[in-house]
Amino acid sequence: MEQEKMSTGASTSSSISTSITSLDSGKYDDLEKQQSEPKPYQGNNNGTMGNAKYDKISMFNRFLGQFDPYLFIFVMGTGISSDILYSFPYPAYWLRVCSYIMFSIASLLFISLQFMFILHIIYFTRKYSTRQYFDKYFRNLSKNIFWGTYPMGLVTIINFLNNLSNHFHIKGHSTTARHMIRLVYVLWWYDIIVSVFIAWGVTFIIWQNYYFHDGLGRWKYEFEKMAAEHLKSVLLLAIIPMIVGTACSSLFIMSELFTITFNRNIQLLTMVIIALIWFHAIIFVFILLFLYFWSLYVFKIPSMSQVFTMFLVLGPMGQGSFGILLITNNVKLYVDQYYHPTKDNIEYNVLLITVPWCFKIIGMILAMGLLAMGYFFTIISCVAIISYANERDPTNEKKHPIYHFHQGFWGATFPMGTMCLGSGELFIQYNHFVPMGAFRVISAIYGVVCILWTLYCLINTIILYSKRTYHAYKTKDDLLPVEDEMKLEPAVSHVAPETDFSFMREYDEQYDGPPPQLDSRLQSVVTLPATINTAKYPFDMTSLNAHQTCPM
């Protein structure tokens, strides 16, 4: 009877403690055995308990359940590719045409995902609760940092809108151009507020307390799991949006169109805010890089499934250099625009020349330092991927998993694009003083890699989701069999994989019985959502509480 208790889905720590207390001498062996035994299905999508063989799940729910903050990385990749095509180091008319197509794809993706996000949060909070949504998507370390992809994807669209507004201004459509630059400025404020909110909010949540949706696993303490599994480059995703946002506004803040549309005070205020956010973000980034370097020295390069996350380091390096070059150049443009030399004040005239150029020199030095680190990590990331070339899938000796597309491939698109922008801006600003054609070539190489890699990811993603949609459509009467680990909420008591019960045995030997209050390490024993076989039924996300692994 006691073992039946353990399998009926006791979700509270008190019931778990009661079950543990009355187990026989092999109680811990029974708990460990649960790790490899599938649990009997006990519920359906209506929230009732039963032994039904099938659960009816609508196509709409399957589609809605696919939402994940990580999906906005599709917008990042296609959006920055459109920006690069529009202002390619070696411009051509056909590249401009391609940029419009890519921008259309990015815009459609963003609008669709935005709509999907709104429906998803409404559906989830109504069916479950706001608290559960907060725990799943903001406290969960495998999801909360990916909210940073949302403002970064939006920034790429804002940048292209800025390009279009300048195009209309040059063509003489002044009214349309002014409306567009106002829209760009409003969207930028929205984006920078969201970026700061994500950076500060997600960081505070991570700092506040430990939260592991999958339990401690094989780790004994929370800090061990945090250090080994979560001090990775993906933490940068929460901070990079601030750097990207500052570079975005620096593109248009001192443009001719913005100058005639807004006044000088708005320009100065925005420039000061931009500088403060950029320095705050870049310092934060280097603190996280220090932790990431420590993780690489201690735990070595990421596993094969996560090795593409190493490219994320290129993001703050490329975008940071792009941003500081624009920020310091805007200082010179501002001085040239509003401060003019006089005939009788030589000292004032000297300051008008030296002060702006001091900023530009500092910006060039910082940009070259950031780009140097970006070039270094580009090589290291490529070598890390190559190092897995001979690794084979244990289930298939002829299969090379590193060559097979997965959504983690998208992680290399945006960082490559930022290196293109940073290298290209260095060439644009200083080539007419010192020959710097090499940076133009480097920018073109990064740009081509970014665009081709984005196209590769986009095509494979379309194929992947087409297969999933077709499979879901072919499911008979839209019924999903319960077999093959198709377990939905409410879930039964589930023991996390590789849970170590040795500490309970040690306690029993000393005190003759389990502890009156559950040890924090027993958190891995409480009810956890079951794992869905996403390979066979990838659209079944109706419960929205099913455990998902980090897509990267």
Protein backbone atom coordinates (compact mmCIF):
# COMPACT_ATOMS: atom_id res chain seq x y z
CA MET A 1 0.00 0.00 0.00
CA GLU A 2 2.83 2.38 0.76
CA GLN A 3 4.41 1.91 -2.65
CA GLU A 4 0.99 2.61 -4.20
CA LYS A 5 1.10 5.94 -2.41
CA MET A 6 4.40 6.75 -4.03
CA SER A 7 2.90 6.17 -7.50
CA THR A 8 -0.42 8.05 -7.15
CA GLY A 9 1.04 11.50 -7.51
CA ALA A 10 1.46 12.95 -4.02
CA SER A 11 2.53 16.48 -4.75
CA THR A 12 3.14 17.87 -1.29
CA SER A 13 6.24 17.42 0.82
CA SER A 14 4.19 16.21 3.80
CA SER A 15 2.73 13.25 1.90
CA ILE A 16 6.18 12.37 0.55
CA SER A 17 7.56 12.42 4.10
CA THR A 18 4.74 10.16 5.29
CA SER A 19 5.42 7.67 2.52
CA ILE A 20 9.14 7.63 3.22
CA THR A 21 8.59 7.06 6.93
CA SER A 22 6.69 3.82 6.51
CA LEU A 23 8.71 2.17 3.74
CA ASP A 24 10.44 -1.12 4.41
CA SER A 25 14.20 -1.67 4.55
CA GLY A 26 14.43 -1.32 0.77
CA LYS A 27 12.63 2.01 0.69
CA TYR A 28 15.47 3.98 -0.87
CA ASP A 29 16.10 1.30 -3.46
CA ASP A 30 12.42 1.62 -4.41
CA LEU A 31 12.78 5.37 -4.77
CA GLU A 32 15.85 4.97 -6.95
CA LYS A 33 14.06 2.36 -9.03
CA GLN A 34 11.35 4.92 -9.85
CA GLN A 35 13.90 6.89 -11.83
CA SER A 36 13.97 4.28 -14.60
CA GLU A 37 10.32 3.16 -14.45
CA PRO A 38 7.67 5.06 -16.46
CA LYS A 39 4.69 6.25 -14.43
CA PRO A 40 1.15 5.17 -15.28
CA TYR A 41 -0.92 7.88 -16.91
CA GLN A 42 -3.42 9.33 -14.46
CA GLY A 43 -5.03 12.29 -16.11
CA ASN A 44 -6.24 13.94 -19.28
CA ASN A 45 -6.29 17.38 -20.75
CA ASN A 46 -9.53 18.19 -18.95
CA GLY A 47 -7.78 17.96 -15.61
CA THR A 48 -9.68 14.83 -14.53
CA MET A 49 -8.17 11.55 -13.41
CA GLY A 50 -8.88 8.37 -15.29
CA ASN A 51 -7.58 5.50 -17.38
CA ALA A 52 -8.49 6.81 -20.82
CA LYS A 53 -6.31 5.57 -23.63
CA TYR A 54 -6.47 8.77 -25.62
CA ASP A 55 -6.63 12.49 -24.91
CA LYS A 56 -8.17 14.87 -27.40
CA ILE A 57 -5.93 17.89 -27.96
CA SER A 58 -6.90 20.62 -30.39
CA MET A 59 -4.54 21.79 -33.10
CA PHE A 60 -4.80 25.31 -31.70
CA ASN A 61 -3.53 24.17 -28.32
CA ARG A 62 -0.73 22.25 -29.96
CA PHE A 63 0.29 25.37 -31.87
CA LEU A 64 -0.02 27.62 -28.83
CA GLY A 65 1.95 25.22 -26.69
CA GLN A 66 4.95 25.61 -28.99
CA PHE A 67 5.62 29.12 -27.69
CA ASP A 68 8.89 29.65 -25.92
CA PRO A 69 10.84 32.89 -25.31
CA TYR A 70 13.70 31.33 -27.24
CA LEU A 71 11.69 31.55 -30.48
CA PHE A 72 12.40 35.27 -30.78
CA ILE A 73 15.92 34.30 -31.80
CA PHE A 74 14.39 33.66 -35.24
CA VAL A 75 13.62 37.39 -35.42
CA MET A 76 17.14 38.25 -34.28
CA GLY A 77 18.78 36.22 -37.03
CA THR A 78 16.55 37.31 -39.89
CA GLY A 79 16.40 40.91 -38.66
CA ILE A 80 20.14 41.48 -38.42
CA SER A 81 20.59 39.77 -41.79
CA SER A 82 18.23 42.33 -43.34
CA ASP A 83 20.23 45.17 -41.75
CA ILE A 84 23.51 43.75 -43.09
CA LEU A 85 22.07 43.25 -46.58
CA TYR A 86 20.84 46.86 -46.61
CA SER A 87 24.21 48.34 -45.62
CA PHE A 88 26.61 45.66 -46.85
CA PRO A 89 30.33 46.68 -46.89
CA TYR A 90 30.28 46.19 -50.67
CA PRO A 91 26.84 47.62 -51.57
CA ALA A 92 24.75 46.50 -54.52
CA TYR A 93 21.19 47.11 -55.63
CA TRP A 94 20.26 43.43 -55.57
CA LEU A 95 21.40 43.22 -51.96
CA ARG A 96 18.98 46.04 -51.11
CA VAL A 97 16.16 44.07 -52.74
CA CYS A 98 17.14 40.98 -50.73
CA SER A 99 17.15 43.09 -47.57
CA TYR A 100 13.50 44.02 -48.12
CA ILE A 101 12.59 40.34 -48.43
CA MET A 102 14.49 39.41 -45.31
CA PHE A 103 12.97 42.34 -43.41
CA SER A 104 9.51 41.15 -44.40
CA ILE A 105 10.28 37.70 -43.03
CA ALA A 106 11.62 39.17 -39.79
CA SER A 107 8.56 41.40 -39.39
CA LEU A 108 6.13 38.55 -40.02
CA LEU A 109 7.97 36.37 -37.52
CA PHE A 110 7.93 39.10 -34.89
CA ILE A 111 4.24 39.90 -35.34
CA SER A 112 3.31 36.21 -35.27
CA LEU A 113 5.38 35.49 -32.18
CA GLN A 114 4.07 38.61 -30.44
CA PHE A 115 0.50 37.51 -31.11
CA MET A 116 1.35 33.98 -30.05
CA PHE A 117 2.93 35.26 -26.84
CA ILE A 118 -0.17 37.26 -25.88
CA LEU A 119 -2.50 34.30 -26.51
CA HIS A 120 -0.14 31.98 -24.68
CA ILE A 121 0.05 34.06 -21.51
CA ILE A 122 -3.75 34.53 -21.48
CA TYR A 123 -4.36 30.80 -21.99
CA PHE A 124 -1.79 29.74 -19.42
CA THR A 125 -2.83 32.13 -16.66
CA ARG A 126 -6.50 31.29 -17.12
CA LYS A 127 -5.99 27.54 -17.13
CA TYR A 128 -3.45 27.51 -14.34
CA SER A 129 -2.34 30.68 -12.56
CA THR A 130 -0.12 33.72 -12.88
CA ARG A 131 2.14 32.28 -10.21
CA GLN A 132 2.70 29.10 -12.21
CA TYR A 133 3.45 31.14 -15.30
CA PHE A 134 5.95 33.22 -13.36
CA ASP A 135 7.66 30.11 -11.99
CA LYS A 136 7.82 28.40 -15.37
CA TYR A 137 8.96 31.31 -17.53
CA PHE A 138 10.73 33.72 -15.17
CA ARG A 139 12.18 31.66 -12.33
CA ASN A 140 13.10 28.71 -14.52
CA LEU A 141 16.76 29.17 -15.53
CA SER A 142 16.26 27.30 -18.77
CA LYS A 143 13.72 29.90 -19.94
CA ASN A 144 14.02 33.26 -18.17
CA ILE A 145 17.32 34.34 -19.76
CA PHE A 146 15.84 33.79 -23.22
CA TRP A 147 13.46 36.71 -22.73
CA GLY A 148 16.45 38.80 -23.82
CA THR A 149 15.88 37.62 -27.37
CA TYR A 150 12.64 39.61 -27.51
CA PRO A 151 14.08 43.16 -27.33
CA MET A 152 17.07 42.17 -29.46
CA GLY A 153 14.76 40.93 -32.20
CA LEU A 154 12.74 44.14 -32.00
CA VAL A 155 15.91 46.26 -32.27
CA THR A 156 16.78 44.73 -35.63
CA ILE A 157 13.37 45.80 -36.94
CA ILE A 158 13.81 49.32 -35.49
CA ASN A 159 17.19 49.62 -37.22
CA PHE A 160 15.67 48.76 -40.58
CA LEU A 161 12.81 51.21 -40.05
CA ASN A 162 15.46 53.86 -39.39
CA ASN A 163 17.11 52.96 -42.70
CA LEU A 164 13.77 53.32 -44.47
CA SER A 165 13.08 56.69 -42.84
CA ASN A 166 16.45 58.01 -44.03
CA HIS A 167 15.69 56.65 -47.50
CA PHE A 168 12.38 58.54 -47.61
CA HIS A 169 14.12 61.67 -46.32
CA ILE A 170 16.71 61.53 -49.11
CA LYS A 171 13.99 60.96 -51.71
CA GLY A 172 12.18 64.09 -50.53
CA HIS A 173 9.24 62.44 -48.73
CA SER A 174 9.78 64.57 -45.65
CA THR A 175 6.35 64.04 -44.04
CA THR A 176 6.58 60.25 -44.24
CA ALA A 177 10.19 60.35 -43.05
CA ARG A 178 9.30 62.42 -39.98
CA HIS A 179 6.44 60.12 -39.04
CA MET A 180 8.72 57.13 -39.36
CA ILE A 181 11.53 58.62 -37.25
CA ARG A 182 8.99 59.43 -34.51
CA LEU A 183 7.81 55.84 -34.64
CA VAL A 184 11.42 54.65 -34.46
CA TYR A 185 12.09 56.82 -31.40
CA VAL A 186 8.97 55.61 -29.58
CA LEU A 187 9.75 51.97 -30.36
CA TRP A 188 13.31 52.49 -29.16
CA TRP A 189 12.12 53.77 -25.79
CA TYR A 190 9.84 50.76 -25.47
CA ASP A 191 12.71 48.46 -26.36
CA ILE A 192 15.22 50.01 -23.97
CA ILE A 193 12.73 49.92 -21.07
CA VAL A 194 12.01 46.25 -21.74
CA SER A 195 15.76 45.56 -22.02
CA VAL A 196 16.52 47.17 -18.66
CA PHE A 197 13.55 45.43 -17.06
CA ILE A 198 14.74 42.04 -18.32
CA ALA A 199 18.38 42.64 -17.38
CA TRP A 200 17.63 43.83 -13.86
CA GLY A 201 14.55 41.70 -13.21
CA VAL A 202 15.91 38.37 -14.40
CA THR A 203 19.22 39.02 -12.65
CA PHE A 204 17.45 39.73 -9.36
CA ILE A 205 15.32 36.59 -9.69
CA ILE A 206 18.44 34.50 -10.26
CA TRP A 207 20.16 36.12 -7.29
CA GLN A 208 17.12 35.87 -4.99
CA ASN A 209 17.03 32.11 -4.45
CA TYR A 210 17.67 28.76 -6.10
CA TYR A 211 14.98 27.37 -8.35
CA PHE A 212 15.54 24.15 -10.30
CA HIS A 213 12.46 22.83 -12.05
CA ASP A 214 14.17 19.48 -12.61
CA GLY A 215 15.53 19.06 -9.10
CA LEU A 216 19.16 18.75 -8.11
CA GLY A 217 19.75 15.64 -10.18
CA ARG A 218 23.17 14.18 -9.46
CA TRP A 219 24.32 17.23 -7.51
CA LYS A 220 24.33 17.29 -3.74
CA TYR A 221 23.89 21.02 -3.17
CA GLU A 222 22.23 23.87 -5.03
CA PHE A 223 25.43 25.86 -5.54
CA GLU A 224 27.08 22.85 -7.16
CA LYS A 225 24.33 22.56 -9.74
CA MET A 226 24.35 26.31 -10.32
CA ALA A 227 28.11 26.43 -10.88
CA ALA A 228 28.26 23.36 -13.09
CA GLU A 229 25.15 23.79 -15.24
CA HIS A 230 24.10 27.43 -15.26
CA LEU A 231 27.18 29.66 -15.17
CA LYS A 232 27.28 29.59 -18.95
CA SER A 233 27.41 32.09 -21.79
CA VAL A 234 23.60 32.09 -22.08
CA LEU A 235 23.53 34.37 -19.02
CA LEU A 236 24.71 37.10 -21.38
CA LEU A 237 21.35 37.01 -23.16
CA ALA A 238 19.79 38.97 -20.31
CA ILE A 239 22.37 41.78 -20.56
CA ILE A 240 23.17 42.07 -24.27
CA PRO A 241 19.81 43.76 -25.11
CA MET A 242 20.97 46.91 -23.31
CA ILE A 243 24.13 47.06 -25.44
CA VAL A 244 22.13 46.42 -28.59
CA GLY A 245 19.61 49.12 -27.63
CA THR A 246 22.30 51.77 -27.11
CA ALA A 247 23.82 51.02 -30.51
CA CYS A 248 20.38 51.26 -32.12
CA SER A 249 19.67 54.78 -30.87
CA SER A 250 23.21 55.91 -31.65
CA LEU A 251 22.46 55.24 -35.31
CA PHE A 252 19.75 57.91 -35.57
CA ILE A 253 20.18 60.29 -32.64
CA MET A 254 22.46 62.70 -34.55
CA SER A 255 21.10 62.07 -38.02
CA GLU A 256 19.86 65.00 -40.07
CA LEU A 257 16.29 63.70 -40.01
CA PHE A 258 16.25 63.36 -36.22
CA THR A 259 17.82 66.80 -35.79
CA ILE A 260 15.09 68.55 -37.76
CA THR A 261 12.32 66.49 -36.14
CA PHE A 262 13.37 66.80 -32.47
CA ASN A 263 15.12 69.49 -30.51
CA ARG A 264 18.63 69.71 -29.09
CA ASN A 265 17.60 68.92 -25.50
CA ILE A 266 16.10 65.58 -26.50
CA GLN A 267 19.28 64.71 -28.36
CA LEU A 268 21.51 65.54 -25.40
CA LEU A 269 19.31 63.73 -22.89
CA THR A 270 19.16 60.62 -25.06
CA MET A 271 22.94 60.64 -25.60
CA VAL A 272 23.60 60.79 -21.85
CA ILE A 273 21.16 57.93 -21.16
CA ILE A 274 22.75 55.89 -23.94
CA ALA A 275 26.25 56.36 -22.50
CA LEU A 276 25.14 55.41 -18.97
CA ILE A 277 23.38 52.24 -20.15
CA TRP A 278 26.29 51.22 -22.40
CA PHE A 279 28.89 51.48 -19.62
CA HIS A 280 26.61 49.74 -17.14
CA ALA A 281 25.96 46.90 -19.57
CA ILE A 282 29.56 46.42 -20.71
CA ILE A 283 30.82 46.24 -17.10
CA PHE A 284 28.09 43.71 -16.31
CA VAL A 285 29.07 41.69 -19.38
CA PHE A 286 32.70 41.45 -18.33
CA ILE A 287 31.70 40.27 -14.86
CA LEU A 288 29.69 37.47 -16.49
CA LEU A 289 32.56 36.73 -18.86
CA PHE A 290 34.85 36.34 -15.85
CA LEU A 291 32.45 33.70 -14.47
CA TYR A 292 32.20 32.05 -17.87
CA PHE A 293 35.97 31.85 -18.24
CA TRP A 294 36.13 30.26 -14.79
CA SER A 295 33.49 27.75 -15.89
CA LEU A 296 35.52 26.90 -19.02
CA TYR A 297 38.66 26.32 -16.98
CA VAL A 298 36.86 24.18 -14.38
CA PHE A 299 34.12 22.39 -16.38
CA LYS A 300 35.68 22.71 -19.87
CA ILE A 301 33.86 23.50 -23.12
CA PRO A 302 30.08 22.87 -23.27
CA SER A 303 28.65 19.55 -24.33
CA MET A 304 27.92 18.80 -27.97
CA SER A 305 24.29 19.91 -27.67
CA GLN A 306 25.30 23.29 -26.20
CA VAL A 307 28.58 24.03 -27.94
CA PHE A 308 26.95 26.63 -30.22
CA THR A 309 26.29 28.79 -27.15
CA MET A 310 29.96 29.73 -27.20
CA PHE A 311 29.18 32.05 -30.11
CA LEU A 312 27.04 34.16 -27.78
CA VAL A 313 30.20 35.80 -26.45
CA LEU A 314 30.60 37.47 -29.85
CA GLY A 315 27.36 39.41 -29.29
CA PRO A 316 28.55 41.94 -26.68
CA MET A 317 31.97 42.13 -28.34
CA GLY A 318 30.68 43.06 -31.80
CA GLN A 319 27.67 45.10 -30.70
CA GLY A 320 29.68 46.75 -27.93
CA SER A 321 32.34 47.93 -30.38
CA PHE A 322 29.64 49.07 -32.82
CA GLY A 323 27.90 51.00 -30.05
CA ILE A 324 30.94 52.76 -28.58
CA LEU A 325 32.11 53.86 -32.04
CA LEU A 326 28.71 55.44 -32.69
CA ILE A 327 28.45 56.98 -29.20
CA THR A 328 31.83 58.69 -29.38
CA ASN A 329 31.26 59.79 -32.96
CA ASN A 330 27.95 61.34 -31.90
CA VAL A 331 29.82 63.45 -29.35
CA LYS A 332 31.86 64.95 -32.18
CA LEU A 333 28.77 65.45 -34.34
CA TYR A 334 26.96 67.15 -31.47
CA VAL A 335 29.84 69.55 -30.84
CA ASP A 336 30.18 70.33 -34.53
CA GLN A 337 26.43 70.91 -34.79
CA TYR A 338 25.88 73.23 -31.83
CA TYR A 339 29.28 74.72 -30.92
CA HIS A 340 31.08 76.96 -33.37
CA PRO A 341 34.59 78.49 -33.19
CA THR A 342 35.08 82.16 -32.39
CA LYS A 343 37.68 84.62 -33.64
CA ASP A 344 38.89 85.96 -30.29
CA ASN A 345 38.97 82.86 -28.06
CA ILE A 346 41.78 80.53 -29.09
CA GLU A 347 41.49 78.27 -26.04
CA TYR A 348 37.80 77.70 -26.75
CA ASN A 349 38.59 76.85 -30.34
CA VAL A 350 41.26 74.35 -29.29
CA LEU A 351 38.82 72.63 -26.93
CA LEU A 352 36.26 72.34 -29.72
CA ILE A 353 38.79 70.25 -31.63
CA THR A 354 40.53 68.27 -28.88
CA VAL A 355 37.58 67.23 -26.68
CA PRO A 356 35.52 65.50 -29.42
CA TRP A 357 38.62 63.79 -30.80
CA CYS A 358 39.57 62.55 -27.33
CA PHE A 359 36.21 60.81 -27.19
CA LYS A 360 36.70 59.35 -30.66
CA ILE A 361 40.17 58.02 -29.82
CA ILE A 362 38.89 56.43 -26.61
CA GLY A 363 36.04 54.89 -28.59
CA MET A 364 38.41 53.50 -31.21
CA ILE A 365 40.65 51.92 -28.54
CA LEU A 366 37.70 50.33 -26.73
CA ALA A 367 36.19 49.13 -30.01
CA MET A 368 39.42 47.51 -31.18
CA GLY A 369 39.83 45.78 -27.82
CA LEU A 370 36.29 44.38 -27.99
CA LEU A 371 36.74 43.29 -31.60
CA ALA A 372 40.00 41.55 -30.71
CA MET A 373 38.20 39.47 -28.09
CA GLY A 374 35.46 38.78 -30.63
CA TYR A 375 37.96 37.48 -33.19
CA PHE A 376 39.54 35.31 -30.51
CA PHE A 377 36.24 33.75 -29.48
CA THR A 378 35.23 33.23 -33.08
CA ILE A 379 38.24 30.95 -33.57
CA ILE A 380 37.78 29.23 -30.21
CA SER A 381 34.08 28.56 -30.89
CA CYS A 382 34.81 27.11 -34.32
CA VAL A 383 37.56 24.89 -32.93
CA ALA A 384 35.23 23.72 -30.16
CA ILE A 385 32.65 22.64 -32.76
CA ILE A 386 35.31 20.92 -34.85
CA SER A 387 36.52 19.06 -31.75
CA TYR A 388 33.18 17.20 -31.76
CA ALA A 389 33.52 16.17 -35.39
CA ASN A 390 34.52 12.61 -34.46
CA GLU A 391 31.94 12.26 -31.69
CA ARG A 392 29.25 9.74 -32.59
CA ASP A 393 25.77 9.08 -31.33
CA PRO A 394 25.94 6.08 -28.95
CA THR A 395 22.80 4.66 -30.60
CA ASN A 396 24.12 5.01 -34.16
CA GLU A 397 27.82 4.78 -34.94
CA LYS A 398 27.31 6.20 -38.43
CA LYS A 399 25.58 9.36 -37.23
CA HIS A 400 27.43 12.62 -36.52
CA PRO A 401 25.10 14.69 -34.27
CA ILE A 402 27.21 17.84 -34.56
CA TYR A 403 26.27 18.09 -38.24
CA HIS A 404 22.56 17.60 -37.72
CA PHE A 405 20.45 20.73 -37.49
CA HIS A 406 18.80 21.72 -34.25
CA GLN A 407 17.50 25.05 -32.98
CA GLY A 408 20.77 25.75 -31.20
CA PHE A 409 22.25 26.55 -34.62
CA TRP A 410 20.39 29.87 -34.48
CA GLY A 411 22.68 30.92 -31.64
CA ALA A 412 25.49 31.73 -34.09
CA THR A 413 23.51 34.03 -36.43
CA PHE A 414 23.11 37.24 -34.46
CA PRO A 415 26.61 37.23 -32.89
CA MET A 416 28.19 36.89 -36.34
CA GLY A 417 26.11 39.81 -37.52
CA THR A 418 27.26 42.02 -34.65
CA MET A 419 30.90 41.35 -35.51
CA CYS A 420 30.11 42.40 -39.07
CA LEU A 421 28.62 45.69 -37.87
CA GLY A 422 31.47 46.44 -35.45
CA SER A 423 34.23 45.76 -37.97
CA GLY A 424 32.40 47.67 -40.70
CA GLU A 425 31.85 50.77 -38.54
CA LEU A 426 35.54 50.91 -37.64
CA PHE A 427 36.34 50.95 -41.36
CA ILE A 428 33.72 53.62 -42.12
CA GLN A 429 34.88 56.07 -39.46
CA TYR A 430 38.66 55.80 -39.78
CA ASN A 431 39.47 54.59 -43.28
CA HIS A 432 39.72 58.12 -44.65
CA PHE A 433 42.40 58.88 -42.03
CA VAL A 434 44.33 55.59 -42.06
CA PRO A 435 43.97 52.75 -44.60
CA MET A 436 41.80 50.16 -42.83
CA GLY A 437 40.52 48.11 -45.74
CA ALA A 438 41.21 44.87 -43.86
CA PHE A 439 38.31 45.61 -41.49
CA ARG A 440 36.03 46.02 -44.48
CA VAL A 441 37.00 42.57 -45.72
CA ILE A 442 36.54 41.08 -42.25
CA SER A 443 33.14 42.76 -42.00
CA ALA A 444 32.11 41.30 -45.35
CA ILE A 445 33.21 37.80 -44.28
CA TYR A 446 31.21 37.97 -41.05
CA GLY A 447 28.26 39.38 -42.97
CA VAL A 448 28.26 36.60 -45.57
CA VAL A 449 28.56 33.94 -42.87
CA CYS A 450 25.70 35.53 -40.91
CA ILE A 451 23.38 35.73 -43.94
CA LEU A 452 24.14 32.23 -45.26
CA TRP A 453 23.91 30.71 -41.78
CA THR A 454 20.57 32.44 -41.24
CA LEU A 455 19.23 31.10 -44.55
CA TYR A 456 20.42 27.61 -43.64
CA CYS A 457 18.72 27.79 -40.24
CA LEU A 458 15.57 29.31 -41.72
CA ILE A 459 15.19 26.61 -44.39
CA ASN A 460 15.83 23.79 -41.93
CA THR A 461 13.45 25.30 -39.39
CA ILE A 462 10.69 25.48 -42.03
CA ILE A 463 11.34 21.83 -42.94
CA LEU A 464 11.37 20.82 -39.29
CA TYR A 465 8.10 22.52 -38.41
CA SER A 466 6.47 21.38 -41.64
CA LYS A 467 7.19 17.78 -40.68
CA ARG A 468 5.84 18.40 -37.21
CA THR A 469 2.68 20.02 -38.55
CA TYR A 470 2.12 17.20 -41.02
CA HIS A 471 2.59 14.59 -38.32
CA ALA A 472 0.17 16.38 -36.02
CA TYR A 473 -2.37 16.67 -38.83
CA LYS A 474 -2.10 12.97 -39.66
CA THR A 475 -2.81 11.97 -36.07
CA LYS A 476 -6.12 10.12 -36.25
CA ASP A 477 -9.08 12.25 -35.15
CA ASP A 478 -6.62 14.57 -33.45
CA LEU A 479 -6.21 11.97 -30.70
CA LEU A 480 -2.85 11.43 -29.05
CA PRO A 481 -2.04 7.99 -27.64
CA VAL A 482 -0.96 7.93 -24.04
CA GLU A 483 1.88 5.52 -24.79
CA ASP A 484 5.41 6.69 -25.51
CA GLU A 485 5.60 8.93 -22.47
CA MET A 486 2.65 11.11 -23.46
CA LYS A 487 1.87 12.02 -19.86
CA LEU A 488 -0.03 15.19 -19.16
CA GLU A 489 -0.77 17.16 -16.00
CA PRO A 490 -1.79 16.54 -13.31
CA ALA A 491 1.39 14.50 -13.01
CA VAL A 492 2.10 11.71 -10.59
CA SER A 493 4.93 11.64 -8.11
CA HIS A 494 8.04 11.66 -10.22
CA VAL A 495 11.63 11.26 -9.12
CA ALA A 496 14.18 13.40 -10.94
CA PRO A 497 16.83 11.50 -12.95
CA GLU A 498 20.00 10.52 -11.14
CA THR A 499 18.65 11.59 -7.73
CA ASP A 500 21.05 10.63 -4.94
CA PHE A 501 19.27 9.15 -1.89
CA SER A 502 22.45 8.44 0.07
CA PHE A 503 21.86 11.37 2.40
CA MET A 504 18.54 9.78 3.55
CA ARG A 505 20.28 6.50 4.28
CA GLU A 506 22.92 8.33 6.31
CA TYR A 507 20.23 10.10 8.33
CA ASP A 508 18.40 6.82 9.05
CA GLU A 509 21.61 5.17 10.28
CA GLN A 510 22.18 7.99 12.75
CA TYR A 511 18.66 8.91 13.88
CA ASP A 512 16.54 5.83 13.11
CA GLY A 513 14.10 7.35 10.66
CA PRO A 514 13.78 10.03 8.06
CA PRO A 515 14.16 13.69 9.10
CA PRO A 516 11.03 15.34 10.51
CA GLN A 517 11.47 18.15 7.98
CA LEU A 518 12.45 17.34 4.45
CA ASP A 519 16.03 18.13 3.55
CA SER A 520 16.35 20.71 0.76
CA ARG A 521 17.82 17.97 -1.37
CA LEU A 522 14.44 16.19 -1.27
CA GLN A 523 13.11 18.88 -3.58
CA SER A 524 14.10 16.59 -6.43
CA VAL A 525 11.59 14.00 -5.16
CA VAL A 526 8.48 16.14 -5.29
CA THR A 527 5.98 15.99 -8.12
CA LEU A 528 7.56 17.07 -11.37
CA PRO A 529 6.01 17.32 -14.82
CA ALA A 530 6.67 14.33 -16.99
CA THR A 531 8.88 14.52 -20.05
CA ILE A 532 7.12 14.61 -23.38
CA ASN A 533 8.37 12.66 -26.34
CA THR A 534 8.76 15.77 -28.51
CA ALA A 535 10.39 13.78 -31.31
CA LYS A 536 7.22 11.82 -31.95
CA TYR A 537 4.56 14.29 -30.76
CA PRO A 538 6.30 17.66 -30.92
CA PHE A 539 3.10 19.70 -30.94
CA ASP A 540 1.72 18.26 -27.72
CA MET A 541 2.28 21.12 -25.32
CA THR A 542 -1.30 21.58 -24.16
CA SER A 543 -0.55 21.10 -20.50
CA LEU A 544 2.11 23.82 -20.81
CA ASN A 545 3.61 22.38 -17.67
CA ALA A 546 5.50 19.61 -19.40
CA HIS A 547 9.21 19.64 -18.72
CA GLN A 548 11.26 21.07 -21.58
CA THR A 549 14.98 21.05 -21.93
CA CYS A 550 16.88 24.18 -22.89
CA PRO A 551 16.70 24.47 -26.71
CA MET A 552 20.31 25.55 -26.79
